[in-house]
Amino acid sequence: MSEPIDTDPAVIQEVLDELTPSELLAYSLAVADQELIGSLKQARIDRGLTEEDFGAILGISADSVRAFEGLQTDPSLATIRRYAHALRVLISHGVELVPGFETQSES
C-alpha cells in the first residue's frame, strides 16, 4: 500500500523546489489538465446535471462520467470537446513558450 500524499503546502513547495525545470514543466502541464477537467465537472454541476443525467446525454454510463471527472482516464482532445459540446461550454486554449528551453527535446 502506498503512503498517503502529504498536502502540507510547505512540504509540497519543498518537493517542487527539488524538481528539474523539465519535471516542473511536466508537473505544470498535468496540473493544467486537472484544472480543465475540474472546470468541466463544475460546469456539469452548474448546469444541474447529475453524473447519470450527463451520461445519458453522452450515451455513456455514469461510471464513465465519474472516471473522466475523477481523472482516472486519459481523454483525447476529441473526448474533451465532446464533453464540452454536450455541456454547451467553450474551452479556450493557450500556448506559451517557456524561457530557458531549447527546441530539442529533453530526455
PDB file of N, CA and C in Angstrom:
ATOM      1  N   MET A   1       0.845  -1.176   0.000  1.00  0.00           N
ATOM      2  CA  MET A   1       0.000   0.000   0.000  1.00  0.00           C
ATOM      3  C   MET A   1       0.891   1.240   0.000  1.00  0.00           C
ATOM      4  N   SER A   2       0.566   2.237  -0.801  1.00  0.00           N
ATOM      5  CA  SER A   2       1.381   3.437  -0.871  1.00  0.00           C
ATOM      6  C   SER A   2       1.049   4.384   0.276  1.00  0.00           C
ATOM      7  N   GLU A   3       2.010   5.250   0.566  1.00  0.00           N
ATOM      8  CA  GLU A   3       1.816   6.222   1.629  1.00  0.00           C
ATOM      9  C   GLU A   3       0.859   7.317   1.164  1.00  0.00           C
ATOM     10  N   PRO A   4       0.092   7.893   2.100  1.00  0.00           N
ATOM     11  CA  PRO A   4      -0.780   8.999   1.711  1.00  0.00           C
ATOM     12  C   PRO A   4       0.057  10.206   1.275  1.00  0.00           C
ATOM     13  N   ILE A   5      -0.485  10.977   0.386  1.00  0.00           N
ATOM     14  CA  ILE A   5       0.208  12.168  -0.104  1.00  0.00           C
ATOM     15  C   ILE A   5       0.090  13.263   0.942  1.00  0.00           C
ATOM     16  N   ASP A   6       1.221  13.901   1.243  1.00  0.00           N
ATOM     17  CA  ASP A   6       1.245  14.993   2.216  1.00  0.00           C
ATOM     18  C   ASP A   6       0.746  16.254   1.520  1.00  0.00           C
ATOM     19  N   THR A   7      -0.284  16.874   2.061  1.00  0.00           N
ATOM     20  CA  THR A   7      -0.858  18.068   1.441  1.00  0.00           C
ATOM     21  C   THR A   7      -0.423  19.354   2.138  1.00  0.00           C
ATOM     22  N   ASP A   8       0.532  19.265   3.047  1.00  0.00           N
ATOM     23  CA  ASP A   8       1.071  20.449   3.710  1.00  0.00           C
ATOM     24  C   ASP A   8       1.760  21.320   2.647  1.00  0.00           C
ATOM     25  N   PRO A   9       1.330  22.587   2.489  1.00  0.00           N
ATOM     26  CA  PRO A   9       1.928  23.460   1.462  1.00  0.00           C
ATOM     27  C   PRO A   9       3.447  23.570   1.561  1.00  0.00           C
ATOM     28  N   ALA A  10       3.994  23.569   2.767  1.00  0.00           N
ATOM     29  CA  ALA A  10       5.447  23.665   2.915  1.00  0.00           C
ATOM     30  C   ALA A  10       6.136  22.419   2.356  1.00  0.00           C
ATOM     31  N   VAL A  11       5.546  21.255   2.584  1.00  0.00           N
ATOM     32  CA  VAL A  11       6.109  20.004   2.070  1.00  0.00           C
ATOM     33  C   VAL A  11       6.002  19.976   0.548  1.00  0.00           C
ATOM     34  N   ILE A  12       4.858  20.394   0.037  1.00  0.00           N
ATOM     35  CA  ILE A  12       4.671  20.433  -1.420  1.00  0.00           C
ATOM     36  C   ILE A  12       5.688  21.374  -2.051  1.00  0.00           C
ATOM     37  N   GLN A  13       5.884  22.560  -1.468  1.00  0.00           N
ATOM     38  CA  GLN A  13       6.842  23.522  -2.017  1.00  0.00           C
ATOM     39  C   GLN A  13       8.258  22.963  -1.982  1.00  0.00           C
ATOM     40  N   GLU A  14       8.588  22.245  -0.925  1.00  0.00           N
ATOM     41  CA  GLU A  14       9.909  21.627  -0.821  1.00  0.00           C
ATOM     42  C   GLU A  14      10.132  20.625  -1.959  1.00  0.00           C
ATOM     43  N   VAL A  15       9.116  19.840  -2.246  1.00  0.00           N
ATOM     44  CA  VAL A  15       9.210  18.870  -3.340  1.00  0.00           C
ATOM     45  C   VAL A  15       9.339  19.596  -4.676  1.00  0.00           C
ATOM     46  N   LEU A  16       8.521  20.623  -4.896  1.00  0.00           N
ATOM     47  CA  LEU A  16       8.575  21.372  -6.154  1.00  0.00           C
ATOM     48  C   LEU A  16       9.938  22.028  -6.351  1.00  0.00           C
ATOM     49  N   ASP A  17      10.525  22.514  -5.272  1.00  0.00           N
ATOM     50  CA  ASP A  17      11.829  23.170  -5.355  1.00  0.00           C
ATOM     51  C   ASP A  17      12.929  22.213  -5.802  1.00  0.00           C
ATOM     52  N   GLU A  18      12.730  20.914  -5.599  1.00  0.00           N
ATOM     53  CA  GLU A  18      13.735  19.915  -5.965  1.00  0.00           C
ATOM     54  C   GLU A  18      13.585  19.419  -7.400  1.00  0.00           C
ATOM     55  N   LEU A  19      12.524  19.816  -8.096  1.00  0.00           N
ATOM     56  CA  LEU A  19      12.298  19.353  -9.468  1.00  0.00           C
ATOM     57  C   LEU A  19      13.218  20.063 -10.448  1.00  0.00           C
ATOM     58  N   THR A  20      13.592  19.337 -11.482  1.00  0.00           N
ATOM     59  CA  THR A  20      14.332  19.974 -12.577  1.00  0.00           C
ATOM     60  C   THR A  20      13.353  20.844 -13.358  1.00  0.00           C
ATOM     61  N   PRO A  21      13.866  21.771 -14.167  1.00  0.00           N
ATOM     62  CA  PRO A  21      12.946  22.582 -14.972  1.00  0.00           C
ATOM     63  C   PRO A  21      12.011  21.742 -15.843  1.00  0.00           C
ATOM     64  N   SER A  22      12.523  20.671 -16.413  1.00  0.00           N
ATOM     65  CA  SER A  22      11.688  19.803 -17.251  1.00  0.00           C
ATOM     66  C   SER A  22      10.608  19.098 -16.427  1.00  0.00           C
ATOM     67  N   GLU A  23      10.966  18.636 -15.227  1.00  0.00           N
ATOM     68  CA  GLU A  23       9.989  17.990 -14.352  1.00  0.00           C
ATOM     69  C   GLU A  23       8.936  18.993 -13.887  1.00  0.00           C
ATOM     70  N   LEU A  24       9.362  20.213 -13.605  1.00  0.00           N
ATOM     71  CA  LEU A  24       8.425  21.251 -13.180  1.00  0.00           C
ATOM     72  C   LEU A  24       7.453  21.595 -14.312  1.00  0.00           C
ATOM     73  N   LEU A  25       7.948  21.630 -15.543  1.00  0.00           N
ATOM     74  CA  LEU A  25       7.084  21.874 -16.697  1.00  0.00           C
ATOM     75  C   LEU A  25       6.064  20.745 -16.828  1.00  0.00           C
ATOM     76  N   ALA A  26       6.516  19.502 -16.716  1.00  0.00           N
ATOM     77  CA  ALA A  26       5.606  18.355 -16.814  1.00  0.00           C
ATOM     78  C   ALA A  26       4.554  18.417 -15.710  1.00  0.00           C
ATOM     79  N   TYR A  27       4.963  18.770 -14.509  1.00  0.00           N
ATOM     80  CA  TYR A  27       4.038  18.913 -13.388  1.00  0.00           C
ATOM     81  C   TYR A  27       3.005  20.000 -13.692  1.00  0.00           C
ATOM     82  N   SER A  28       3.462  21.140 -14.187  1.00  0.00           N
ATOM     83  CA  SER A  28       2.557  22.252 -14.502  1.00  0.00           C
ATOM     84  C   SER A  28       1.547  21.874 -15.577  1.00  0.00           C
ATOM     85  N   LEU A  29       1.989  21.119 -16.574  1.00  0.00           N
ATOM     86  CA  LEU A  29       1.079  20.664 -17.630  1.00  0.00           C
ATOM     87  C   LEU A  29       0.026  19.716 -17.058  1.00  0.00           C
ATOM     88  N   ALA A  30       0.431  18.829 -16.153  1.00  0.00           N
ATOM     89  CA  ALA A  30      -0.512  17.894 -15.533  1.00  0.00           C
ATOM     90  C   ALA A  30      -1.532  18.644 -14.675  1.00  0.00           C
ATOM     91  N   VAL A  31      -1.082  19.657 -13.946  1.00  0.00           N
ATOM     92  CA  VAL A  31      -1.996  20.456 -13.127  1.00  0.00           C
ATOM     93  C   VAL A  31      -3.002  21.178 -14.024  1.00  0.00           C
ATOM     94  N   ALA A  32      -2.547  21.709 -15.156  1.00  0.00           N
ATOM     95  CA  ALA A  32      -3.456  22.380 -16.082  1.00  0.00           C
ATOM     96  C   ALA A  32      -4.516  21.410 -16.606  1.00  0.00           C
ATOM     97  N   ASP A  33      -4.123  20.176 -16.905  1.00  0.00           N
ATOM     98  CA  ASP A  33      -5.086  19.153 -17.338  1.00  0.00           C
ATOM     99  C   ASP A  33      -6.128  18.910 -16.253  1.00  0.00           C
ATOM    100  N   GLN A  34      -5.666  18.778 -15.009  1.00  0.00           N
ATOM    101  CA  GLN A  34      -6.582  18.529 -13.895  1.00  0.00           C
ATOM    102  C   GLN A  34      -7.551  19.698 -13.709  1.00  0.00           C
ATOM    103  N   GLU A  35      -7.051  20.912 -13.871  1.00  0.00           N
ATOM    104  CA  GLU A  35      -7.913  22.085 -13.720  1.00  0.00           C
ATOM    105  C   GLU A  35      -8.964  22.137 -14.828  1.00  0.00           C
ATOM    106  N   LEU A  36      -8.595  21.751 -16.057  1.00  0.00           N
ATOM    107  CA  LEU A  36      -9.545  21.716 -17.162  1.00  0.00           C
ATOM    108  C   LEU A  36     -10.671  20.726 -16.870  1.00  0.00           C
ATOM    109  N   ILE A  37     -10.309  19.520 -16.471  1.00  0.00           N
ATOM    110  CA  ILE A  37     -11.322  18.508 -16.178  1.00  0.00           C
ATOM    111  C   ILE A  37     -12.183  18.953 -14.995  1.00  0.00           C
ATOM    112  N   GLY A  38     -11.549  19.552 -13.992  1.00  0.00           N
ATOM    113  CA  GLY A  38     -12.298  20.073 -12.851  1.00  0.00           C
ATOM    114  C   GLY A  38     -13.288  21.150 -13.254  1.00  0.00           C
ATOM    115  N   SER A  39     -12.889  22.001 -14.205  1.00  0.00           N
ATOM    116  CA  SER A  39     -13.793  23.047 -14.699  1.00  0.00           C
ATOM    117  C   SER A  39     -14.976  22.449 -15.451  1.00  0.00           C
ATOM    118  N   LEU A  40     -14.723  21.388 -16.210  1.00  0.00           N
ATOM    119  CA  LEU A  40     -15.821  20.726 -16.919  1.00  0.00           C
ATOM    120  C   LEU A  40     -16.782  20.070 -15.934  1.00  0.00           C
ATOM    121  N   LYS A  41     -16.232  19.451 -14.898  1.00  0.00           N
ATOM    122  CA  LYS A  41     -17.093  18.857 -13.872  1.00  0.00           C
ATOM    123  C   LYS A  41     -17.942  19.940 -13.213  1.00  0.00           C
ATOM    124  N   GLN A  42     -17.321  21.075 -12.891  1.00  0.00           N
ATOM    125  CA  GLN A  42     -18.068  22.161 -12.257  1.00  0.00           C
ATOM    126  C   GLN A  42     -19.156  22.685 -13.190  1.00  0.00           C
ATOM    127  N   ALA A  43     -18.870  22.755 -14.476  1.00  0.00           N
ATOM    128  CA  ALA A  43     -19.880  23.200 -15.447  1.00  0.00           C
ATOM    129  C   ALA A  43     -21.069  22.244 -15.463  1.00  0.00           C
ATOM    130  N   ARG A  44     -20.783  20.930 -15.381  1.00  0.00           N
ATOM    131  CA  ARG A  44     -21.875  19.953 -15.331  1.00  0.00           C
ATOM    132  C   ARG A  44     -22.737  20.186 -14.101  1.00  0.00           C
ATOM    133  N   ILE A  45     -22.091  20.385 -12.976  1.00  0.00           N
ATOM    134  CA  ILE A  45     -22.817  20.626 -11.726  1.00  0.00           C
ATOM    135  C   ILE A  45     -23.612  21.925 -11.829  1.00  0.00           C
ATOM    136  N   ASP A  46     -22.989  22.965 -12.368  1.00  0.00           N
ATOM    137  CA  ASP A  46     -23.667  24.257 -12.524  1.00  0.00           C
ATOM    138  C   ASP A  46     -24.884  24.162 -13.448  1.00  0.00           C
ATOM    139  N   ARG A  47     -24.839  23.232 -14.397  1.00  0.00           N
ATOM    140  CA  ARG A  47     -25.972  23.007 -15.303  1.00  0.00           C
ATOM    141  C   ARG A  47     -27.064  22.167 -14.623  1.00  0.00           C
ATOM    142  N   GLY A  48     -26.783  21.710 -13.415  1.00  0.00           N
ATOM    143  CA  GLY A  48     -27.775  20.927 -12.681  1.00  0.00           C
ATOM    144  C   GLY A  48     -27.878  19.489 -13.139  1.00  0.00           C
ATOM    145  N   LEU A  49     -26.814  18.986 -13.746  1.00  0.00           N
ATOM    146  CA  LEU A  49     -26.829  17.625 -14.271  1.00  0.00           C
ATOM    147  C   LEU A  49     -26.101  16.670 -13.333  1.00  0.00           C
ATOM    148  N   THR A  50     -26.739  15.555 -13.036  1.00  0.00           N
ATOM    149  CA  THR A  50     -26.072  14.510 -12.271  1.00  0.00           C
ATOM    150  C   THR A  50     -25.157  13.733 -13.221  1.00  0.00           C
ATOM    151  N   GLU A  51     -24.313  12.898 -12.654  1.00  0.00           N
ATOM    152  CA  GLU A  51     -23.474  12.036 -13.484  1.00  0.00           C
ATOM    153  C   GLU A  51     -24.338  11.133 -14.358  1.00  0.00           C
ATOM    154  N   GLU A  52     -25.460  10.660 -13.791  1.00  0.00           N
ATOM    155  CA  GLU A  52     -26.371   9.796 -14.537  1.00  0.00           C
ATOM    156  C   GLU A  52     -27.022  10.560 -15.690  1.00  0.00           C
ATOM    157  N   ASP A  53     -27.512  11.796 -15.397  1.00  0.00           N
ATOM    158  CA  ASP A  53     -28.136  12.623 -16.440  1.00  0.00           C
ATOM    159  C   ASP A  53     -27.159  12.887 -17.579  1.00  0.00           C
ATOM    160  N   PHE A  54     -25.947  13.276 -17.198  1.00  0.00           N
ATOM    161  CA  PHE A  54     -24.976  13.647 -18.221  1.00  0.00           C
ATOM    162  C   PHE A  54     -24.506  12.437 -19.013  1.00  0.00           C
ATOM    163  N   GLY A  55     -24.362  11.303 -18.325  1.00  0.00           N
ATOM    164  CA  GLY A  55     -24.018  10.082 -19.030  1.00  0.00           C
ATOM    165  C   GLY A  55     -25.058   9.737 -20.081  1.00  0.00           C
ATOM    166  N   ALA A  56     -26.343   9.923 -19.736  1.00  0.00           N
ATOM    167  CA  ALA A  56     -27.418   9.641 -20.695  1.00  0.00           C
ATOM    168  C   ALA A  56     -27.328  10.572 -21.902  1.00  0.00           C
ATOM    169  N   ILE A  57     -26.996  11.839 -21.674  1.00  0.00           N
ATOM    170  CA  ILE A  57     -26.847  12.794 -22.781  1.00  0.00           C
ATOM    171  C   ILE A  57     -25.719  12.363 -23.711  1.00  0.00           C
ATOM    172  N   LEU A  58     -24.614  11.900 -23.125  1.00  0.00           N
ATOM    173  CA  LEU A  58     -23.456  11.496 -23.927  1.00  0.00           C
ATOM    174  C   LEU A  58     -23.568  10.071 -24.463  1.00  0.00           C
ATOM    175  N   GLY A  59     -24.505   9.311 -23.920  1.00  0.00           N
ATOM    176  CA  GLY A  59     -24.629   7.914 -24.338  1.00  0.00           C
ATOM    177  C   GLY A  59     -23.580   7.031 -23.684  1.00  0.00           C
ATOM    178  N   ILE A  60     -23.170   7.407 -22.470  1.00  0.00           N
ATOM    179  CA  ILE A  60     -22.190   6.624 -21.722  1.00  0.00           C
ATOM    180  C   ILE A  60     -22.738   6.388 -20.316  1.00  0.00           C
ATOM    181  N   SER A  61     -22.083   5.551 -19.570  1.00  0.00           N
ATOM    182  CA  SER A  61     -22.542   5.257 -18.211  1.00  0.00           C
ATOM    183  C   SER A  61     -22.123   6.359 -17.235  1.00  0.00           C
ATOM    184  N   ALA A  62     -22.831   6.418 -16.113  1.00  0.00           N
ATOM    185  CA  ALA A  62     -22.446   7.343 -15.045  1.00  0.00           C
ATOM    186  C   ALA A  62     -21.047   6.995 -14.538  1.00  0.00           C
ATOM    187  N   ASP A  63     -20.703   5.706 -14.550  1.00  0.00           N
ATOM    188  CA  ASP A  63     -19.350   5.298 -14.144  1.00  0.00           C
ATOM    189  C   ASP A  63     -18.290   5.897 -15.061  1.00  0.00           C
ATOM    190  N   SER A  64     -18.598   5.984 -16.350  1.00  0.00           N
ATOM    191  CA  SER A  64     -17.652   6.592 -17.289  1.00  0.00           C
ATOM    192  C   SER A  64     -17.500   8.084 -17.027  1.00  0.00           C
ATOM    193  N   VAL A  65     -18.607   8.744 -16.692  1.00  0.00           N
ATOM    194  CA  VAL A  65     -18.545  10.172 -16.335  1.00  0.00           C
ATOM    195  C   VAL A  65     -17.678  10.330 -15.089  1.00  0.00           C
ATOM    196  N   ARG A  66     -17.893   9.486 -14.094  1.00  0.00           N
ATOM    197  CA  ARG A  66     -17.105   9.549 -12.855  1.00  0.00           C
ATOM    198  C   ARG A  66     -15.621   9.310 -13.134  1.00  0.00           C
ATOM    199  N   ALA A  67     -15.321   8.354 -13.990  1.00  0.00           N
ATOM    200  CA  ALA A  67     -13.923   8.057 -14.319  1.00  0.00           C
ATOM    201  C   ALA A  67     -13.269   9.256 -15.005  1.00  0.00           C
ATOM    202  N   PHE A  68     -13.980   9.878 -15.939  1.00  0.00           N
ATOM    203  CA  PHE A  68     -13.473  11.065 -16.635  1.00  0.00           C
ATOM    204  C   PHE A  68     -13.221  12.185 -15.644  1.00  0.00           C
ATOM    205  N   GLU A  69     -14.225  12.496 -14.835  1.00  0.00           N
ATOM    206  CA  GLU A  69     -14.131  13.610 -13.899  1.00  0.00           C
ATOM    207  C   GLU A  69     -13.198  13.308 -12.734  1.00  0.00           C
ATOM    208  N   GLY A  70     -12.983  12.044 -12.431  1.00  0.00           N
ATOM    209  CA  GLY A  70     -12.099  11.641 -11.346  1.00  0.00           C
ATOM    210  C   GLY A  70     -10.661  11.456 -11.789  1.00  0.00           C
ATOM    211  N   LEU A  71     -10.377  11.861 -13.027  1.00  0.00           N
ATOM    212  CA  LEU A  71      -9.019  11.798 -13.581  1.00  0.00           C
ATOM    213  C   LEU A  71      -8.485  10.373 -13.636  1.00  0.00           C
ATOM    214  N   GLN A  72      -9.395   9.421 -13.861  1.00  0.00           N
ATOM    215  CA  GLN A  72      -8.998   8.018 -13.950  1.00  0.00           C
ATOM    216  C   GLN A  72      -8.802   7.586 -15.397  1.00  0.00           C
ATOM    217  N   THR A  73      -8.991   8.521 -16.318  1.00  0.00           N
ATOM    218  CA  THR A  73      -8.802   8.236 -17.733  1.00  0.00           C
ATOM    219  C   THR A  73      -7.825   9.258 -18.305  1.00  0.00           C
ATOM    220  N   ASP A  74      -7.374   9.030 -19.506  1.00  0.00           N
ATOM    221  CA  ASP A  74      -6.511   9.965 -20.221  1.00  0.00           C
ATOM    222  C   ASP A  74      -7.241  10.327 -21.515  1.00  0.00           C
ATOM    223  N   PRO A  75      -8.228  11.243 -21.404  1.00  0.00           N
ATOM    224  CA  PRO A  75      -9.088  11.504 -22.558  1.00  0.00           C
ATOM    225  C   PRO A  75      -8.366  12.211 -23.700  1.00  0.00           C
ATOM    226  N   SER A  76      -8.801  11.892 -24.903  1.00  0.00           N
ATOM    227  CA  SER A  76      -8.272  12.585 -26.082  1.00  0.00           C
ATOM    228  C   SER A  76      -8.901  13.978 -26.162  1.00  0.00           C
ATOM    229  N   LEU A  77      -8.332  14.821 -26.986  1.00  0.00           N
ATOM    230  CA  LEU A  77      -8.928  16.140 -27.191  1.00  0.00           C
ATOM    231  C   LEU A  77     -10.337  16.015 -27.748  1.00  0.00           C
ATOM    232  N   ALA A  78     -10.561  15.026 -28.599  1.00  0.00           N
ATOM    233  CA  ALA A  78     -11.900  14.827 -29.168  1.00  0.00           C
ATOM    234  C   ALA A  78     -12.911  14.507 -28.070  1.00  0.00           C
ATOM    235  N   THR A  79     -12.519  13.696 -27.093  1.00  0.00           N
ATOM    236  CA  THR A  79     -13.410  13.364 -25.980  1.00  0.00           C
ATOM    237  C   THR A  79     -13.704  14.610 -25.146  1.00  0.00           C
ATOM    238  N   ILE A  80     -12.687  15.402 -24.893  1.00  0.00           N
ATOM    239  CA  ILE A  80     -12.874  16.634 -24.118  1.00  0.00           C
ATOM    240  C   ILE A  80     -13.799  17.587 -24.864  1.00  0.00           C
ATOM    241  N   ARG A  81     -13.614  17.712 -26.187  1.00  0.00           N
ATOM    242  CA  ARG A  81     -14.504  18.574 -26.988  1.00  0.00           C
ATOM    243  C   ARG A  81     -15.942  18.066 -26.945  1.00  0.00           C
ATOM    244  N   ARG A  82     -16.121  16.764 -27.042  1.00  0.00           N
ATOM    245  CA  ARG A  82     -17.465  16.172 -26.998  1.00  0.00           C
ATOM    246  C   ARG A  82     -18.139  16.472 -25.664  1.00  0.00           C
ATOM    247  N   TYR A  83     -17.392  16.344 -24.597  1.00  0.00           N
ATOM    248  CA  TYR A  83     -17.886  16.627 -23.249  1.00  0.00           C
ATOM    249  C   TYR A  83     -18.291  18.097 -23.151  1.00  0.00           C
ATOM    250  N   ALA A  84     -17.401  18.991 -23.607  1.00  0.00           N
ATOM    251  CA  ALA A  84     -17.677  20.432 -23.561  1.00  0.00           C
ATOM    252  C   ALA A  84     -18.881  20.790 -24.429  1.00  0.00           C
ATOM    253  N   HIS A  85     -18.966  20.199 -25.607  1.00  0.00           N
ATOM    254  CA  HIS A  85     -20.085  20.486 -26.512  1.00  0.00           C
ATOM    255  C   HIS A  85     -21.410  20.093 -25.873  1.00  0.00           C
ATOM    256  N   ALA A  86     -21.426  18.933 -25.232  1.00  0.00           N
ATOM    257  CA  ALA A  86     -22.661  18.475 -24.585  1.00  0.00           C
ATOM    258  C   ALA A  86     -23.056  19.398 -23.433  1.00  0.00           C
ATOM    259  N   LEU A  87     -22.066  20.026 -22.802  1.00  0.00           N
ATOM    260  CA  LEU A  87     -22.342  20.973 -21.723  1.00  0.00           C
ATOM    261  C   LEU A  87     -22.625  22.384 -22.233  1.00  0.00           C
ATOM    262  N   ARG A  88     -22.397  22.591 -23.533  1.00  0.00           N
ATOM    263  CA  ARG A  88     -22.559  23.919 -24.147  1.00  0.00           C
ATOM    264  C   ARG A  88     -21.623  24.929 -23.494  1.00  0.00           C
ATOM    265  N   VAL A  89     -20.347  24.516 -23.380  1.00  0.00           N
ATOM    266  CA  VAL A  89     -19.314  25.411 -22.857  1.00  0.00           C
ATOM    267  C   VAL A  89     -18.177  25.503 -23.875  1.00  0.00           C
ATOM    268  N   LEU A  90     -17.463  26.592 -23.813  1.00  0.00           N
ATOM    269  CA  LEU A  90     -16.323  26.822 -24.689  1.00  0.00           C
ATOM    270  C   LEU A  90     -15.042  26.616 -23.897  1.00  0.00           C
ATOM    271  N   ILE A  91     -14.122  25.901 -24.487  1.00  0.00           N
ATOM    272  CA  ILE A  91     -12.797  25.719 -23.886  1.00  0.00           C
ATOM    273  C   ILE A  91     -11.827  26.600 -24.657  1.00  0.00           C
ATOM    274  N   SER A  92     -11.068  27.399 -23.940  1.00  0.00           N
ATOM    275  CA  SER A  92     -10.049  28.249 -24.555  1.00  0.00           C
ATOM    276  C   SER A  92      -8.684  27.630 -24.324  1.00  0.00           C
ATOM    277  N   HIS A  93      -7.876  27.606 -25.370  1.00  0.00           N
ATOM    278  CA  HIS A  93      -6.529  27.054 -25.277  1.00  0.00           C
ATOM    279  C   HIS A  93      -5.510  28.186 -25.343  1.00  0.00           C
ATOM    280  N   GLY A  94      -4.393  28.000 -24.726  1.00  0.00           N
ATOM    281  CA  GLY A  94      -3.302  28.955 -24.812  1.00  0.00           C
ATOM    282  C   GLY A  94      -1.978  28.215 -24.853  1.00  0.00           C
ATOM    283  N   VAL A  95      -1.045  28.770 -25.578  1.00  0.00           N
ATOM    284  CA  VAL A  95       0.285  28.175 -25.675  1.00  0.00           C
ATOM    285  C   VAL A  95       1.301  29.260 -25.352  1.00  0.00           C
ATOM    286  N   GLU A  96       2.217  28.943 -24.463  1.00  0.00           N
ATOM    287  CA  GLU A  96       3.267  29.877 -24.071  1.00  0.00           C
ATOM    288  C   GLU A  96       4.618  29.197 -24.237  1.00  0.00           C
ATOM    289  N   LEU A  97       5.567  29.900 -24.828  1.00  0.00           N
ATOM    290  CA  LEU A  97       6.928  29.386 -24.864  1.00  0.00           C
ATOM    291  C   LEU A  97       7.516  29.552 -23.474  1.00  0.00           C
ATOM    292  N   VAL A  98       8.157  28.516 -22.999  1.00  0.00           N
ATOM    293  CA  VAL A  98       8.763  28.555 -21.672  1.00  0.00           C
ATOM    294  C   VAL A  98      10.226  28.959 -21.857  1.00  0.00           C
ATOM    295  N   PRO A  99      10.620  30.075 -21.246  1.00  0.00           N
ATOM    296  CA  PRO A  99      12.012  30.515 -21.410  1.00  0.00           C
ATOM    297  C   PRO A  99      12.988  29.514 -20.824  1.00  0.00           C
ATOM    298  N   GLY A 100      14.156  29.436 -21.446  1.00  0.00           N
ATOM    299  CA  GLY A 100      15.207  28.584 -20.928  1.00  0.00           C
ATOM    300  C   GLY A 100      15.250  27.187 -21.501  1.00  0.00           C
ATOM    301  N   PHE A 101      14.315  26.870 -22.392  1.00  0.00           N
ATOM    302  CA  PHE A 101      14.303  25.551 -23.001  1.00  0.00           C
ATOM    303  C   PHE A 101      14.740  25.660 -24.460  1.00  0.00           C
ATOM    304  N   GLU A 102      15.585  24.737 -24.861  1.00  0.00           N
ATOM    305  CA  GLU A 102      15.989  24.653 -26.256  1.00  0.00           C
ATOM    306  C   GLU A 102      14.860  24.006 -27.052  1.00  0.00           C
ATOM    307  N   THR A 103      14.915  24.095 -28.343  1.00  0.00           N
ATOM    308  CA  THR A 103      13.877  23.490 -29.177  1.00  0.00           C
ATOM    309  C   THR A 103      14.032  21.986 -29.288  1.00  0.00           C
ATOM    310  N   GLN A 104      15.194  21.437 -28.942  1.00  0.00           N
ATOM    311  CA  GLN A 104      15.381  19.995 -28.986  1.00  0.00           C
ATOM    312  C   GLN A 104      14.740  19.389 -27.754  1.00  0.00           C
ATOM    313  N   SER A 105      14.275  18.147 -27.905  1.00  0.00           N
ATOM    314  CA  SER A 105      13.606  17.502 -26.772  1.00  0.00           C
ATOM    315  C   SER A 105      14.626  17.151 -25.695  1.00  0.00           C
ATOM    316  N   GLU A 106      14.105  17.184 -24.472  1.00  0.00           N
ATOM    317  CA  GLU A 106      14.939  16.794 -23.328  1.00  0.00           C
ATOM    318  C   GLU A 106      14.481  15.443 -22.853  1.00  0.00           C
ATOM    319  N   SER A 107      15.380  14.591 -22.508  1.00  0.00           N
ATOM    320  CA  SER A 107      15.027  13.261 -22.001  1.00  0.00           C
ATOM    321  C   SER A 107      15.024  13.250 -20.512  1.00  0.00           C
TER     322      SER A 107
END
